C-alpha atoms as a PDB file:
ATOM      1  CA  MET A   1       2.284 -19.242 -17.206  1.00  0.00           C
ATOM      2  CA  SER A   2      -0.297 -17.991 -14.748  1.00  0.00           C
ATOM      3  CA  ASP A   3       0.296 -15.205 -12.249  1.00  0.00           C
ATOM      4  CA  THR A   4       0.294 -17.736  -9.417  1.00  0.00           C
ATOM      5  CA  GLU A   5       3.009 -19.835 -11.070  1.00  0.00           C
ATOM      6  CA  GLN A   6       5.050 -16.695 -11.688  1.00  0.00           C
ATOM      7  CA  LYS A   7       4.843 -15.731  -8.002  1.00  0.00           C
ATOM      8  CA  ILE A   8       5.836 -19.251  -6.962  1.00  0.00           C
ATOM      9  CA  ARG A   9       8.844 -19.125  -9.281  1.00  0.00           C
ATOM     10  CA  PHE A  10       9.896 -15.777  -7.799  1.00  0.00           C
ATOM     11  CA  ALA A  11       9.560 -17.184  -4.273  1.00  0.00           C
ATOM     12  CA  ILE A  12      11.597 -20.302  -5.061  1.00  0.00           C
ATOM     13  CA  GLY A  13      14.257 -18.262  -6.838  1.00  0.00           C
ATOM     14  CA  SER A  14      14.485 -15.782  -3.982  1.00  0.00           C
ATOM     15  CA  ALA A  15      14.777 -18.560  -1.412  1.00  0.00           C
ATOM     16  CA  ALA A  16      17.502 -20.292  -3.422  1.00  0.00           C
ATOM     17  CA  ALA A  17      19.409 -17.024  -3.837  1.00  0.00           C
ATOM     18  CA  ALA A  18      19.177 -16.251  -0.119  1.00  0.00           C
ATOM     19  CA  ALA A  19      20.385 -19.754   0.749  1.00  0.00           C
ATOM     20  CA  ALA A  20      23.306 -19.410  -1.671  1.00  0.00           C
ATOM     21  CA  ILE A  21      24.283 -16.110  -0.105  1.00  0.00           C
ATOM     22  CA  PHE A  22      23.750 -16.762   3.596  1.00  0.00           C
ATOM     23  CA  ALA A  23      23.958 -20.530   4.177  1.00  0.00           C
ATOM     24  CA  PRO A  24      27.330 -21.911   5.275  1.00  0.00           C
ATOM     25  CA  LEU A  25      27.749 -24.225   2.271  1.00  0.00           C
ATOM     26  CA  ASN A  26      30.727 -25.138   0.133  1.00  0.00           C
ATOM     27  CA  TYR A  27      31.112 -23.545  -3.290  1.00  0.00           C
ATOM     28  CA  LYS A  28      29.685 -26.525  -5.170  1.00  0.00           C
ATOM     29  CA  TRP A  29      26.307 -26.174  -3.435  1.00  0.00           C
ATOM     30  CA  LYS A  30      26.390 -22.391  -3.692  1.00  0.00           C
ATOM     31  CA  GLY A  31      26.822 -22.798  -7.458  1.00  0.00           C
ATOM     32  CA  VAL A  32      23.896 -25.215  -7.671  1.00  0.00           C
ATOM     33  CA  LEU A  33      21.655 -22.896  -5.668  1.00  0.00           C
ATOM     34  CA  THR A  34      22.723 -19.910  -7.768  1.00  0.00           C
ATOM     35  CA  ALA A  35      21.820 -21.796 -10.961  1.00  0.00           C
ATOM     36  CA  VAL A  36      18.417 -22.755  -9.537  1.00  0.00           C
ATOM     37  CA  ALA A  37      17.804 -19.172  -8.446  1.00  0.00           C
ATOM     38  CA  ALA A  38      18.759 -17.746 -11.836  1.00  0.00           C
ATOM     39  CA  ASP A  39      16.664 -20.282 -13.742  1.00  0.00           C
ATOM     40  CA  THR A  40      13.519 -19.823 -11.693  1.00  0.00           C
ATOM     41  CA  ILE A  41      13.719 -16.030 -11.486  1.00  0.00           C
ATOM     42  CA  LEU A  42      14.423 -15.631 -15.207  1.00  0.00           C
ATOM     43  CA  SER A  43      11.676 -18.064 -16.151  1.00  0.00           C
ATOM     44  CA  GLY A  44       9.305 -16.015 -13.986  1.00  0.00           C
ATOM     45  CA  ILE A  45      10.368 -12.794 -15.672  1.00  0.00           C
ATOM     46  CA  TYR A  46      10.112 -14.107 -19.226  1.00  0.00           C
ATOM     47  CA  ARG A  47       7.143 -16.385 -18.452  1.00  0.00           C
ATOM     48  CA  LYS A  48       8.883 -19.250 -20.264  1.00  0.00           C
ATOM     49  CA  SER A  49      11.012 -21.989 -18.818  1.00  0.00           C
ATOM     50  CA  PRO A  50      14.442 -22.277 -20.470  1.00  0.00           C
ATOM     51  CA  ILE A  51      14.416 -25.999 -19.667  1.00  0.00           C
ATOM     52  CA  MET A  52      11.222 -26.564 -21.653  1.00  0.00           C
ATOM     53  CA  ARG A  53      12.631 -25.349 -24.981  1.00  0.00           C
ATOM     54  CA  PRO A  54      15.223 -28.159 -25.409  1.00  0.00           C
ATOM     55  CA  MET A  55      12.739 -30.696 -24.045  1.00  0.00           C
ATOM     56  CA  MET A  56      10.140 -29.649 -26.598  1.00  0.00           C
ATOM     57  CA  LYS A  57      12.697 -30.025 -29.407  1.00  0.00           C
ATOM     58  CA  MET A  58      13.740 -33.426 -28.122  1.00  0.00           C
ATOM     59  CA  PHE A  59      10.293 -34.889 -27.470  1.00  0.00           C
ATOM     60  CA  GLY A  60       8.020 -32.546 -29.359  1.00  0.00           C
END
């Protein structure tokens, strides 16, 4: 993962987290946004996408 992709993942995760916290949404959507935020921020930190591991096992 390049530095640019890492920064984009941090930006998307931060935006999703802010929307989950501040947007007047029901709990279902807050949960979805929280999951997106956690996935993108953690994949930026570890420089690996957790979604890619099962996909690589399935199709790889």
